[in-house]
Amino acid sequence: MDGLLAWSLVAHLAGMVMWVGGLLAATMAMAQAAREAGSKRETSPSREAELASRMPPAAHAAYTRMTQRLLRALAHPGLILALAAGIALLFQMPQPVLHSAWLQAKLGLAAVLIALDWFITRLAGRMDAAPPSRGAAMRLHALVASVFLAILILVLVQP
């Protein structure tokens, strides 16, 4: 393995760890904010706002800042690093690998992860009004983890 390919892989993996770790931490912070507010089940937006108002304003603001900071300082820089290094890797791969089914599926799952990032970021931006329900945050958490696991399986097993 030549030096550029090795460093591209290191950067891509570091970016993925930062990105997925940031998304998982942010969704856990959202779930904890909902738990502190007393939201255990799915609730309507007006009910979520009522529950958020029961949480001390300082605690709600702290969870909101922490969630948004995790995305800005960890997940989004990781996304940029993973994307840039991933593109560099694509330019270094031989033609047959570029057309393999596992790589196409991996790229599709990466697009799903980007969409999840966008959705989680939008939810975090609206946390000032009310945190999402704990159930919704935990489903997003599980979805991010599942997509990442599927990507790992595709890359390592290459079915």
N, C-alpha and C. Protein backbone atom coordinates (compact mmCIF):
# COMPACT_ATOMS: atom_id res chain seq x y z
N MET A 1 0.87 -1.18 0.00
CA MET A 1 0.00 0.00 0.00
C MET A 1 0.91 1.23 0.00
N ASP A 2 0.66 2.13 -0.94
CA ASP A 2 1.51 3.31 -1.00
C ASP A 2 1.12 4.33 0.07
N GLY A 3 1.99 5.29 0.30
CA GLY A 3 1.82 6.25 1.38
C GLY A 3 0.55 7.08 1.28
N LEU A 4 0.23 7.58 0.08
CA LEU A 4 -0.95 8.43 -0.09
C LEU A 4 -2.23 7.65 0.19
N LEU A 5 -2.28 6.41 -0.30
CA LEU A 5 -3.46 5.58 -0.05
C LEU A 5 -3.62 5.30 1.45
N ALA A 6 -2.52 4.98 2.11
CA ALA A 6 -2.58 4.70 3.55
C ALA A 6 -3.06 5.92 4.33
N TRP A 7 -2.51 7.10 4.02
CA TRP A 7 -2.92 8.32 4.73
C TRP A 7 -4.36 8.70 4.41
N SER A 8 -4.79 8.42 3.19
CA SER A 8 -6.19 8.69 2.83
C SER A 8 -7.12 7.79 3.65
N LEU A 9 -6.73 6.52 3.82
CA LEU A 9 -7.53 5.60 4.64
C LEU A 9 -7.58 6.05 6.10
N VAL A 10 -6.44 6.47 6.63
CA VAL A 10 -6.39 6.95 8.01
C VAL A 10 -7.32 8.15 8.18
N ALA A 11 -7.23 9.10 7.26
CA ALA A 11 -8.07 10.30 7.34
C ALA A 11 -9.55 9.94 7.21
N HIS A 12 -9.87 9.02 6.30
CA HIS A 12 -11.26 8.62 6.09
C HIS A 12 -11.82 7.95 7.35
N LEU A 13 -11.04 7.04 7.93
CA LEU A 13 -11.50 6.36 9.15
C LEU A 13 -11.62 7.33 10.33
N ALA A 14 -10.64 8.23 10.48
CA ALA A 14 -10.72 9.22 11.56
C ALA A 14 -11.96 10.10 11.38
N GLY A 15 -12.22 10.52 10.15
CA GLY A 15 -13.41 11.33 9.87
C GLY A 15 -14.69 10.58 10.17
N MET A 16 -14.75 9.30 9.81
CA MET A 16 -15.95 8.50 10.09
C MET A 16 -16.19 8.36 11.59
N VAL A 17 -15.11 8.11 12.33
CA VAL A 17 -15.25 7.96 13.80
C VAL A 17 -15.75 9.27 14.41
N MET A 18 -15.16 10.39 13.98
CA MET A 18 -15.61 11.69 14.50
C MET A 18 -17.07 11.95 14.14
N TRP A 19 -17.40 11.71 12.87
CA TRP A 19 -18.74 12.00 12.36
C TRP A 19 -19.80 11.16 13.08
N VAL A 20 -19.62 9.84 13.03
CA VAL A 20 -20.61 8.95 13.63
C VAL A 20 -20.63 9.12 15.14
N GLY A 21 -19.47 9.27 15.75
CA GLY A 21 -19.43 9.50 17.19
C GLY A 21 -20.17 10.76 17.58
N GLY A 22 -19.99 11.82 16.81
CA GLY A 22 -20.70 13.08 17.07
C GLY A 22 -22.20 12.94 16.93
N LEU A 23 -22.63 12.21 15.89
CA LEU A 23 -24.07 12.00 15.70
C LEU A 23 -24.66 11.17 16.83
N LEU A 24 -23.93 10.12 17.25
CA LEU A 24 -24.43 9.27 18.34
C LEU A 24 -24.48 10.05 19.65
N ALA A 25 -23.47 10.85 19.92
CA ALA A 25 -23.46 11.65 21.15
C ALA A 25 -24.58 12.70 21.12
N ALA A 26 -24.79 13.32 19.97
CA ALA A 26 -25.84 14.35 19.85
C ALA A 26 -27.23 13.75 20.06
N THR A 27 -27.47 12.57 19.48
CA THR A 27 -28.79 11.96 19.66
C THR A 27 -28.99 11.50 21.10
N MET A 28 -27.91 11.08 21.77
CA MET A 28 -28.03 10.73 23.19
C MET A 28 -28.32 11.98 24.03
N ALA A 29 -27.70 13.10 23.68
CA ALA A 29 -27.97 14.35 24.40
C ALA A 29 -29.43 14.78 24.20
N MET A 30 -29.94 14.60 22.99
CA MET A 30 -31.35 14.91 22.73
C MET A 30 -32.26 14.02 23.58
N ALA A 31 -31.93 12.72 23.62
CA ALA A 31 -32.75 11.79 24.40
C ALA A 31 -32.71 12.14 25.88
N GLN A 32 -31.54 12.52 26.37
CA GLN A 32 -31.42 12.89 27.78
C GLN A 32 -32.19 14.17 28.08
N ALA A 33 -32.16 15.12 27.16
CA ALA A 33 -32.93 16.35 27.35
C ALA A 33 -34.41 16.03 27.45
N ALA A 34 -34.87 15.13 26.58
CA ALA A 34 -36.28 14.74 26.62
C ALA A 34 -36.60 14.00 27.92
N ARG A 35 -35.67 13.17 28.36
CA ARG A 35 -35.88 12.43 29.61
C ARG A 35 -35.96 13.38 30.80
N GLU A 36 -35.07 14.36 30.84
CA GLU A 36 -35.09 15.34 31.93
C GLU A 36 -36.38 16.15 31.91
N ALA A 37 -36.93 16.36 30.72
CA ALA A 37 -38.18 17.12 30.60
C ALA A 37 -39.39 16.25 30.92
N GLY A 38 -39.18 14.94 31.03
CA GLY A 38 -40.28 14.05 31.36
C GLY A 38 -40.99 13.47 30.18
N SER A 39 -40.40 13.59 28.98
CA SER A 39 -41.03 13.07 27.77
C SER A 39 -40.59 11.64 27.54
N LYS A 40 -41.42 10.67 27.95
CA LYS A 40 -41.08 9.26 27.77
C LYS A 40 -41.73 8.66 26.54
N ARG A 41 -42.80 9.20 26.11
CA ARG A 41 -43.52 8.66 24.95
C ARG A 41 -43.59 9.72 23.88
N GLU A 42 -44.07 9.27 22.72
CA GLU A 42 -44.29 10.22 21.63
C GLU A 42 -45.32 11.25 22.09
N THR A 43 -45.05 12.49 21.81
CA THR A 43 -45.96 13.55 22.21
C THR A 43 -46.15 14.50 21.04
N SER A 44 -47.20 15.27 21.11
CA SER A 44 -47.45 16.27 20.08
C SER A 44 -46.48 17.43 20.29
N PRO A 45 -46.26 18.26 19.27
CA PRO A 45 -45.35 19.40 19.44
C PRO A 45 -45.76 20.32 20.58
N SER A 46 -47.07 20.52 20.79
CA SER A 46 -47.49 21.40 21.89
C SER A 46 -47.19 20.74 23.24
N ARG A 47 -47.34 19.43 23.31
CA ARG A 47 -47.02 18.70 24.55
C ARG A 47 -45.51 18.74 24.81
N GLU A 48 -44.69 18.61 23.76
CA GLU A 48 -43.24 18.70 23.91
C GLU A 48 -42.85 20.08 24.45
N ALA A 49 -43.47 21.13 23.94
CA ALA A 49 -43.17 22.48 24.42
C ALA A 49 -43.55 22.62 25.89
N GLU A 50 -44.68 22.02 26.27
CA GLU A 50 -45.10 22.06 27.68
C GLU A 50 -44.11 21.32 28.56
N LEU A 51 -43.66 20.14 28.11
CA LEU A 51 -42.69 19.37 28.89
C LEU A 51 -41.37 20.12 29.00
N ALA A 52 -40.92 20.74 27.90
CA ALA A 52 -39.66 21.49 27.93
C ALA A 52 -39.75 22.65 28.90
N SER A 53 -40.95 23.23 29.03
CA SER A 53 -41.09 24.36 29.94
C SER A 53 -41.00 23.90 31.40
N ARG A 54 -41.20 22.59 31.67
CA ARG A 54 -41.06 22.08 33.03
C ARG A 54 -39.59 21.87 33.41
N MET A 55 -38.72 21.75 32.43
CA MET A 55 -37.29 21.62 32.71
C MET A 55 -36.76 23.00 33.06
N PRO A 56 -35.87 23.09 34.02
CA PRO A 56 -35.28 24.39 34.32
C PRO A 56 -34.67 25.00 33.06
N PRO A 57 -34.91 26.28 32.79
CA PRO A 57 -34.41 26.88 31.56
C PRO A 57 -32.90 26.72 31.37
N ALA A 58 -32.14 26.78 32.45
CA ALA A 58 -30.69 26.63 32.33
C ALA A 58 -30.32 25.22 31.87
N ALA A 59 -31.04 24.21 32.36
CA ALA A 59 -30.76 22.83 31.95
C ALA A 59 -31.12 22.63 30.49
N HIS A 60 -32.28 23.15 30.09
CA HIS A 60 -32.69 23.03 28.69
C HIS A 60 -31.69 23.72 27.77
N ALA A 61 -31.24 24.91 28.15
CA ALA A 61 -30.26 25.64 27.35
C ALA A 61 -28.94 24.88 27.28
N ALA A 62 -28.54 24.24 28.38
CA ALA A 62 -27.28 23.49 28.40
C ALA A 62 -27.36 22.28 27.47
N TYR A 63 -28.45 21.55 27.50
CA TYR A 63 -28.61 20.40 26.60
C TYR A 63 -28.63 20.86 25.15
N THR A 64 -29.31 21.96 24.90
CA THR A 64 -29.37 22.48 23.53
C THR A 64 -27.98 22.86 23.04
N ARG A 65 -27.23 23.60 23.86
CA ARG A 65 -25.87 24.00 23.48
C ARG A 65 -24.96 22.79 23.29
N MET A 66 -25.07 21.82 24.20
CA MET A 66 -24.22 20.64 24.10
C MET A 66 -24.52 19.87 22.81
N THR A 67 -25.78 19.69 22.49
CA THR A 67 -26.15 18.97 21.27
C THR A 67 -25.63 19.70 20.04
N GLN A 68 -25.86 20.99 19.98
CA GLN A 68 -25.41 21.76 18.83
C GLN A 68 -23.89 21.82 18.74
N ARG A 69 -23.21 21.89 19.88
CA ARG A 69 -21.74 21.93 19.89
C ARG A 69 -21.16 20.59 19.44
N LEU A 70 -21.77 19.48 19.85
CA LEU A 70 -21.31 18.17 19.40
C LEU A 70 -21.38 18.06 17.88
N LEU A 71 -22.44 18.60 17.31
CA LEU A 71 -22.58 18.56 15.86
C LEU A 71 -21.56 19.47 15.18
N ARG A 72 -21.41 20.71 15.68
CA ARG A 72 -20.49 21.67 15.05
C ARG A 72 -19.03 21.32 15.25
N ALA A 73 -18.67 20.81 16.43
CA ALA A 73 -17.25 20.61 16.74
C ALA A 73 -16.76 19.20 16.45
N LEU A 74 -17.65 18.23 16.35
CA LEU A 74 -17.23 16.85 16.16
C LEU A 74 -17.83 16.23 14.90
N ALA A 75 -19.14 16.20 14.82
CA ALA A 75 -19.79 15.49 13.70
C ALA A 75 -19.51 16.16 12.36
N HIS A 76 -19.72 17.45 12.26
CA HIS A 76 -19.57 18.11 10.96
C HIS A 76 -18.13 18.19 10.46
N PRO A 77 -17.14 18.48 11.34
CA PRO A 77 -15.75 18.37 10.86
C PRO A 77 -15.41 16.93 10.44
N GLY A 78 -15.95 15.95 11.17
CA GLY A 78 -15.73 14.55 10.79
C GLY A 78 -16.34 14.23 9.45
N LEU A 79 -17.54 14.77 9.19
CA LEU A 79 -18.18 14.58 7.88
C LEU A 79 -17.31 15.14 6.77
N ILE A 80 -16.80 16.34 6.96
CA ILE A 80 -15.97 16.97 5.93
C ILE A 80 -14.70 16.16 5.69
N LEU A 81 -14.05 15.73 6.78
CA LEU A 81 -12.83 14.92 6.65
C LEU A 81 -13.12 13.58 5.97
N ALA A 82 -14.18 12.90 6.38
CA ALA A 82 -14.54 11.61 5.79
C ALA A 82 -14.87 11.76 4.31
N LEU A 83 -15.60 12.81 3.98
CA LEU A 83 -15.98 13.05 2.58
C LEU A 83 -14.76 13.37 1.72
N ALA A 84 -13.91 14.27 2.19
CA ALA A 84 -12.72 14.65 1.42
C ALA A 84 -11.78 13.45 1.23
N ALA A 85 -11.54 12.72 2.31
CA ALA A 85 -10.65 11.55 2.22
C ALA A 85 -11.30 10.44 1.38
N GLY A 86 -12.62 10.31 1.49
CA GLY A 86 -13.32 9.31 0.68
C GLY A 86 -13.21 9.60 -0.81
N ILE A 87 -13.33 10.87 -1.16
CA ILE A 87 -13.17 11.25 -2.57
C ILE A 87 -11.74 10.97 -3.02
N ALA A 88 -10.76 11.29 -2.16
CA ALA A 88 -9.36 10.99 -2.49
C ALA A 88 -9.17 9.49 -2.70
N LEU A 89 -9.81 8.68 -1.87
CA LEU A 89 -9.71 7.23 -2.02
C LEU A 89 -10.31 6.76 -3.34
N LEU A 90 -11.44 7.35 -3.72
CA LEU A 90 -12.08 6.95 -4.98
C LEU A 90 -11.15 7.18 -6.18
N PHE A 91 -10.37 8.26 -6.13
CA PHE A 91 -9.45 8.54 -7.23
C PHE A 91 -8.27 7.58 -7.25
N GLN A 92 -8.01 6.90 -6.15
CA GLN A 92 -6.87 5.99 -6.06
C GLN A 92 -7.26 4.53 -6.30
N MET A 93 -8.55 4.24 -6.40
CA MET A 93 -9.01 2.86 -6.56
C MET A 93 -8.94 2.41 -8.00
N PRO A 94 -8.65 1.14 -8.22
CA PRO A 94 -8.67 0.62 -9.60
C PRO A 94 -10.11 0.57 -10.12
N GLN A 95 -10.25 0.62 -11.43
CA GLN A 95 -11.57 0.66 -12.07
C GLN A 95 -12.50 -0.48 -11.63
N PRO A 96 -12.02 -1.73 -11.57
CA PRO A 96 -12.96 -2.81 -11.18
C PRO A 96 -13.59 -2.59 -9.80
N VAL A 97 -12.83 -2.06 -8.87
CA VAL A 97 -13.37 -1.82 -7.52
C VAL A 97 -14.45 -0.75 -7.56
N LEU A 98 -14.26 0.26 -8.39
CA LEU A 98 -15.25 1.35 -8.48
C LEU A 98 -16.62 0.86 -8.92
N HIS A 99 -16.65 -0.24 -9.65
CA HIS A 99 -17.93 -0.76 -10.16
C HIS A 99 -18.46 -1.92 -9.33
N SER A 100 -17.81 -2.21 -8.21
CA SER A 100 -18.27 -3.34 -7.39
C SER A 100 -19.55 -2.98 -6.64
N ALA A 101 -20.36 -4.00 -6.43
CA ALA A 101 -21.66 -3.80 -5.77
C ALA A 101 -21.49 -3.33 -4.33
N TRP A 102 -20.51 -3.87 -3.60
CA TRP A 102 -20.35 -3.48 -2.20
C TRP A 102 -20.01 -2.00 -2.07
N LEU A 103 -19.18 -1.49 -3.00
CA LEU A 103 -18.81 -0.07 -2.93
C LEU A 103 -20.01 0.82 -3.27
N GLN A 104 -20.80 0.40 -4.25
CA GLN A 104 -22.00 1.17 -4.60
C GLN A 104 -22.97 1.21 -3.42
N ALA A 105 -23.14 0.06 -2.75
CA ALA A 105 -24.02 0.02 -1.58
C ALA A 105 -23.47 0.89 -0.45
N LYS A 106 -22.14 0.85 -0.25
CA LYS A 106 -21.52 1.68 0.78
C LYS A 106 -21.75 3.15 0.51
N LEU A 107 -21.59 3.56 -0.74
CA LEU A 107 -21.81 4.97 -1.10
C LEU A 107 -23.27 5.36 -0.90
N GLY A 108 -24.19 4.44 -1.17
CA GLY A 108 -25.60 4.70 -0.91
C GLY A 108 -25.89 4.88 0.57
N LEU A 109 -25.27 4.03 1.39
CA LEU A 109 -25.44 4.16 2.84
C LEU A 109 -24.79 5.43 3.37
N ALA A 110 -23.69 5.84 2.75
CA ALA A 110 -23.07 7.11 3.15
C ALA A 110 -24.03 8.27 2.86
N ALA A 111 -24.75 8.19 1.75
CA ALA A 111 -25.75 9.22 1.44
C ALA A 111 -26.87 9.22 2.48
N VAL A 112 -27.27 8.03 2.94
CA VAL A 112 -28.29 7.93 3.99
C VAL A 112 -27.77 8.58 5.28
N LEU A 113 -26.50 8.34 5.59
CA LEU A 113 -25.90 8.94 6.78
C LEU A 113 -25.84 10.46 6.68
N ILE A 114 -25.57 10.97 5.49
CA ILE A 114 -25.58 12.43 5.27
C ILE A 114 -26.99 12.98 5.49
N ALA A 115 -28.01 12.27 5.01
CA ALA A 115 -29.39 12.70 5.21
C ALA A 115 -29.76 12.67 6.69
N LEU A 116 -29.31 11.64 7.41
CA LEU A 116 -29.56 11.57 8.85
C LEU A 116 -28.88 12.73 9.57
N ASP A 117 -27.65 13.06 9.16
CA ASP A 117 -26.93 14.20 9.74
C ASP A 117 -27.74 15.47 9.56
N TRP A 118 -28.23 15.68 8.35
CA TRP A 118 -29.03 16.88 8.06
C TRP A 118 -30.27 16.92 8.96
N PHE A 119 -30.96 15.78 9.09
CA PHE A 119 -32.18 15.73 9.88
C PHE A 119 -31.89 15.98 11.36
N ILE A 120 -30.85 15.36 11.88
CA ILE A 120 -30.46 15.55 13.29
C ILE A 120 -30.06 17.00 13.54
N THR A 121 -29.35 17.60 12.60
CA THR A 121 -28.95 19.00 12.73
C THR A 121 -30.17 19.91 12.77
N ARG A 122 -31.15 19.61 11.94
CA ARG A 122 -32.40 20.41 11.95
C ARG A 122 -33.12 20.26 13.29
N LEU A 123 -33.19 19.06 13.81
CA LEU A 123 -33.83 18.85 15.12
C LEU A 123 -33.08 19.61 16.21
N ALA A 124 -31.76 19.55 16.16
CA ALA A 124 -30.95 20.26 17.17
C ALA A 124 -31.17 21.76 17.08
N GLY A 125 -31.37 22.28 15.89
CA GLY A 125 -31.61 23.70 15.72
C GLY A 125 -32.95 24.14 16.29
N ARG A 126 -33.88 23.20 16.41
CA ARG A 126 -35.21 23.52 16.95
C ARG A 126 -35.33 23.17 18.42
N MET A 127 -34.24 22.75 19.04
CA MET A 127 -34.32 22.35 20.46
C MET A 127 -34.63 23.53 21.37
N ASP A 128 -34.40 24.76 20.92
CA ASP A 128 -34.74 25.92 21.73
C ASP A 128 -36.23 25.92 22.04
N ALA A 129 -37.03 25.52 21.05
CA ALA A 129 -38.48 25.49 21.25
C ALA A 129 -38.87 24.28 22.10
N ALA A 130 -38.33 23.10 21.76
CA ALA A 130 -38.62 21.89 22.52
C ALA A 130 -37.72 20.76 22.01
N PRO A 131 -37.22 19.92 22.92
CA PRO A 131 -36.43 18.79 22.46
C PRO A 131 -37.33 17.76 21.78
N PRO A 132 -36.77 16.97 20.87
CA PRO A 132 -37.59 15.90 20.31
C PRO A 132 -37.93 14.90 21.41
N SER A 133 -38.90 14.05 21.19
CA SER A 133 -39.25 13.06 22.20
C SER A 133 -38.08 12.11 22.40
N ARG A 134 -38.02 11.49 23.54
CA ARG A 134 -36.94 10.55 23.84
C ARG A 134 -36.98 9.39 22.85
N GLY A 135 -38.17 8.91 22.53
CA GLY A 135 -38.30 7.80 21.59
C GLY A 135 -37.76 8.16 20.21
N ALA A 136 -38.07 9.36 19.75
CA ALA A 136 -37.59 9.78 18.43
C ALA A 136 -36.06 9.90 18.43
N ALA A 137 -35.51 10.45 19.50
CA ALA A 137 -34.06 10.60 19.59
C ALA A 137 -33.38 9.23 19.63
N MET A 138 -33.95 8.29 20.37
CA MET A 138 -33.35 6.96 20.45
C MET A 138 -33.48 6.19 19.14
N ARG A 139 -34.57 6.41 18.40
CA ARG A 139 -34.70 5.77 17.08
C ARG A 139 -33.64 6.31 16.12
N LEU A 140 -33.41 7.63 16.17
CA LEU A 140 -32.36 8.21 15.33
C LEU A 140 -30.99 7.65 15.72
N HIS A 141 -30.76 7.52 17.01
CA HIS A 141 -29.51 6.95 17.52
C HIS A 141 -29.31 5.54 16.96
N ALA A 142 -30.34 4.71 17.06
CA ALA A 142 -30.25 3.34 16.57
C ALA A 142 -30.07 3.30 15.06
N LEU A 143 -30.71 4.20 14.35
CA LEU A 143 -30.59 4.24 12.90
C LEU A 143 -29.17 4.62 12.47
N VAL A 144 -28.60 5.62 13.11
CA VAL A 144 -27.21 6.01 12.81
C VAL A 144 -26.28 4.83 13.07
N ALA A 145 -26.43 4.19 14.22
CA ALA A 145 -25.57 3.05 14.56
C ALA A 145 -25.74 1.91 13.57
N SER A 146 -26.97 1.64 13.15
CA SER A 146 -27.24 0.55 12.21
C SER A 146 -26.64 0.82 10.84
N VAL A 147 -26.79 2.05 10.36
CA VAL A 147 -26.22 2.39 9.05
C VAL A 147 -24.70 2.30 9.11
N PHE A 148 -24.10 2.77 10.20
CA PHE A 148 -22.65 2.68 10.34
C PHE A 148 -22.19 1.22 10.38
N LEU A 149 -22.91 0.37 11.11
CA LEU A 149 -22.57 -1.05 11.17
C LEU A 149 -22.67 -1.69 9.78
N ALA A 150 -23.70 -1.34 9.04
CA ALA A 150 -23.85 -1.88 7.68
C ALA A 150 -22.69 -1.44 6.79
N ILE A 151 -22.26 -0.19 6.93
CA ILE A 151 -21.11 0.29 6.16
C ILE A 151 -19.86 -0.51 6.53
N LEU A 152 -19.63 -0.72 7.82
CA LEU A 152 -18.48 -1.51 8.26
C LEU A 152 -18.50 -2.91 7.68
N ILE A 153 -19.66 -3.55 7.70
CA ILE A 153 -19.79 -4.90 7.16
C ILE A 153 -19.47 -4.91 5.67
N LEU A 154 -20.02 -3.94 4.95
CA LEU A 154 -19.77 -3.90 3.51
C LEU A 154 -18.29 -3.71 3.20
N VAL A 155 -17.62 -2.82 3.95
CA VAL A 155 -16.22 -2.54 3.67
C VAL A 155 -15.32 -3.71 4.08
N LEU A 156 -15.60 -4.30 5.21
CA LEU A 156 -14.72 -5.35 5.71
C LEU A 156 -14.97 -6.71 5.08
N VAL A 157 -16.23 -7.03 4.76
CA VAL A 157 -16.55 -8.32 4.18
C VAL A 157 -16.54 -8.26 2.65
N GLN A 158 -16.92 -7.15 2.09
CA GLN A 158 -17.01 -6.94 0.65
C GLN A 158 -17.74 -8.10 -0.05
N PRO A 159 -19.02 -8.28 0.32
CA PRO A 159 -19.79 -9.42 -0.25
C PRO A 159 -19.97 -9.32 -1.75
